[in-house]
Amino acid sequence: MKSRIEELLDKYWEGETSLAEEKELRNLVLNAEGYEKEKALFSALGQFRSLEPQQLSVPKTQTRSFSPQWLRWAASIAMLLGTYWGWSTYQQKQAEQQAYKEVMGALAMIQSNLSKGQQQMTPLSDLKYLNTTHKLFQLDQIIEP
């Protein structure tokens, strides 16, 4: 019996016993002679088990809690501000796109009018030969002497 108690005590102090082995060890130690320290330990554990539910209480931690009403107000205001910001950004982008379209339309109109003007100038390109006769006569005078 003492060898079994020693074996179970060694396992107990190593933390390798099962619940059934601990129960067996407690019964063996309480019924055996000697082992006064172990008897005191197991009787104290038995007393703690009986005292645990009545005397132990979980201390309450003090936390600052916010009122749910204030959280609702803060969430509502945050949503309104976010919606306003998103809408104003959208309007600004739309205005920029509209201005871009207008500028591109104006540039296209200028380009088309410029090409029409160049096409209307083609008959005037024949006038560049009006001054060539004068140049030809001067060339003749230079060649004769």
Protein backbone atom coordinates (compact mmCIF):
# COMPACT_ATOMS: atom_id res chain seq x y z
CA MET A 1 0.00 0.00 0.00
CA LYS A 2 2.85 2.37 0.81
CA SER A 3 4.45 1.69 -2.57
CA ARG A 4 1.17 2.56 -4.31
CA ILE A 5 0.89 5.77 -2.28
CA GLU A 6 4.51 6.72 -3.12
CA GLU A 7 3.94 5.97 -6.80
CA LEU A 8 0.75 8.07 -6.90
CA LEU A 9 2.41 10.91 -4.93
CA ASP A 10 5.28 11.05 -7.42
CA LYS A 11 2.84 11.20 -10.33
CA TYR A 12 0.74 13.79 -8.45
CA TRP A 13 3.66 16.15 -7.88
CA GLU A 14 4.71 15.77 -11.54
CA GLY A 15 1.15 16.68 -12.62
CA GLU A 16 0.60 13.43 -14.48
CA THR A 17 -2.29 11.90 -12.50
CA SER A 18 -5.82 11.49 -13.73
CA LEU A 19 -8.87 12.45 -11.70
CA ALA A 20 -9.48 8.84 -10.74
CA GLU A 21 -5.88 8.44 -9.54
CA GLU A 22 -6.12 11.64 -7.49
CA LYS A 23 -9.31 10.39 -5.87
CA GLU A 24 -7.61 7.06 -5.09
CA LEU A 25 -4.56 8.87 -3.68
CA ARG A 26 -6.71 11.02 -1.43
CA ASN A 27 -8.56 7.99 -0.06
CA LEU A 28 -5.31 6.05 0.48
CA VAL A 29 -3.55 8.94 2.24
CA LEU A 30 -6.49 9.73 4.51
CA ASN A 31 -6.78 6.05 5.59
CA ALA A 32 -3.03 5.34 5.93
CA GLU A 33 -0.83 6.07 8.95
CA GLY A 34 1.75 8.86 8.58
CA TYR A 35 1.72 11.23 5.61
CA GLU A 36 0.58 14.09 7.85
CA LYS A 37 1.51 16.82 5.34
CA GLU A 38 -0.41 15.10 2.57
CA LYS A 39 -3.42 14.54 4.86
CA ALA A 40 -3.41 18.28 5.69
CA LEU A 41 -3.17 19.16 1.99
CA PHE A 42 -6.07 16.94 0.94
CA SER A 43 -8.26 18.04 3.86
CA ALA A 44 -7.54 21.71 3.02
CA LEU A 45 -8.45 21.03 -0.61
CA GLY A 46 -11.70 19.44 0.57
CA GLN A 47 -12.45 22.52 2.65
CA PHE A 48 -11.72 24.81 -0.30
CA ARG A 49 -14.11 22.82 -2.42
CA SER A 50 -16.89 23.31 0.11
CA LEU A 51 -16.10 27.04 0.54
CA GLU A 52 -15.57 27.91 -3.08
CA PRO A 53 -19.13 28.70 -4.22
CA GLN A 54 -20.08 30.75 -1.15
CA GLN A 55 -17.05 32.90 -0.43
CA LEU A 56 -15.36 33.47 -3.74
CA SER A 57 -16.79 36.17 -5.93
CA VAL A 58 -15.52 37.67 -9.13
CA PRO A 59 -14.55 41.29 -8.56
CA LYS A 60 -16.30 43.73 -10.81
CA THR A 61 -14.08 45.88 -12.94
CA GLN A 62 -15.07 49.45 -13.29
CA THR A 63 -15.47 50.35 -16.90
CA ARG A 64 -16.76 53.50 -18.35
CA SER A 65 -19.83 52.76 -20.36
CA PHE A 66 -21.32 55.00 -22.96
CA SER A 67 -25.00 55.52 -23.16
CA PRO A 68 -26.49 53.78 -26.18
CA GLN A 69 -28.48 56.95 -26.90
CA TRP A 70 -25.26 58.94 -27.37
CA LEU A 71 -23.84 56.21 -29.58
CA ARG A 72 -26.94 56.35 -31.76
CA TRP A 73 -26.68 60.13 -32.08
CA ALA A 74 -22.96 59.92 -32.91
CA ALA A 75 -23.58 57.21 -35.52
CA SER A 76 -26.40 59.24 -37.09
CA ILE A 77 -24.27 62.36 -37.31
CA ALA A 78 -21.36 60.39 -38.76
CA MET A 79 -23.67 58.90 -41.40
CA LEU A 80 -25.08 62.31 -42.31
CA LEU A 81 -21.64 63.86 -42.61
CA GLY A 82 -20.41 60.94 -44.70
CA THR A 83 -23.42 61.18 -46.99
CA TYR A 84 -22.97 64.95 -47.42
CA TRP A 85 -19.28 64.54 -48.18
CA GLY A 86 -19.96 61.78 -50.71
CA TRP A 87 -22.70 63.80 -52.42
CA SER A 88 -20.57 66.93 -52.65
CA THR A 89 -17.68 64.94 -54.11
CA TYR A 90 -20.04 63.40 -56.65
CA GLN A 91 -21.40 66.83 -57.64
CA GLN A 92 -17.89 68.21 -58.02
CA LYS A 93 -16.87 65.32 -60.29
CA GLN A 94 -20.01 65.84 -62.38
CA ALA A 95 -19.24 69.56 -62.75
CA GLU A 96 -15.68 68.78 -63.82
CA GLN A 97 -16.91 66.29 -66.42
CA GLN A 98 -19.43 68.81 -67.77
CA ALA A 99 -16.76 71.52 -68.04
CA TYR A 100 -14.43 69.06 -69.83
CA LYS A 101 -17.18 68.19 -72.34
CA GLU A 102 -17.85 71.88 -73.02
CA VAL A 103 -14.16 72.67 -73.56
CA MET A 104 -13.75 69.69 -75.88
CA GLY A 105 -16.86 70.77 -77.84
CA ALA A 106 -15.47 74.31 -78.20
CA LEU A 107 -12.10 72.99 -79.40
CA ALA A 108 -13.84 70.70 -81.93
CA MET A 109 -15.85 73.67 -83.24
CA ILE A 110 -12.68 75.76 -83.59
CA GLN A 111 -10.96 72.92 -85.46
CA SER A 112 -13.87 72.46 -87.88
CA ASN A 113 -14.08 76.22 -88.56
CA LEU A 114 -10.33 76.38 -89.10
CA SER A 115 -10.44 73.53 -91.61
CA LYS A 116 -13.36 75.24 -93.44
CA GLY A 117 -11.35 78.44 -93.59
CA GLN A 118 -8.33 76.64 -95.00
CA GLN A 119 -10.50 75.00 -97.66
CA GLN A 120 -11.89 78.41 -98.64
CA MET A 121 -8.33 79.76 -98.95
CA THR A 122 -7.34 77.27 -101.67
CA PRO A 123 -8.55 79.49 -104.57
CA LEU A 124 -6.37 82.26 -103.22
CA SER A 125 -3.30 80.06 -103.55
CA ASP A 126 -3.29 80.87 -107.29
CA LEU A 127 -2.59 84.51 -106.47
CA LYS A 128 0.95 83.69 -105.42
CA TYR A 129 1.89 83.54 -109.09
CA LEU A 130 0.88 87.20 -109.75
CA ASN A 131 4.25 88.54 -108.73
CA THR A 132 6.25 85.96 -110.76
CA THR A 133 6.08 87.91 -114.01
CA HIS A 134 7.94 90.79 -112.47
CA LYS A 135 10.60 88.41 -111.28
CA LEU A 136 10.83 86.83 -114.71
CA PHE A 137 11.41 90.18 -116.35
CA GLN A 138 14.12 91.03 -113.96
CA LEU A 139 15.79 87.73 -114.68
CA ASP A 140 15.69 88.51 -118.40
CA GLN A 141 17.40 91.80 -117.90
CA ILE A 142 20.13 90.15 -115.92
CA ILE A 143 20.68 87.52 -118.57
CA GLU A 144 20.89 89.98 -121.60
CA PRO A 145 23.83 92.14 -120.70
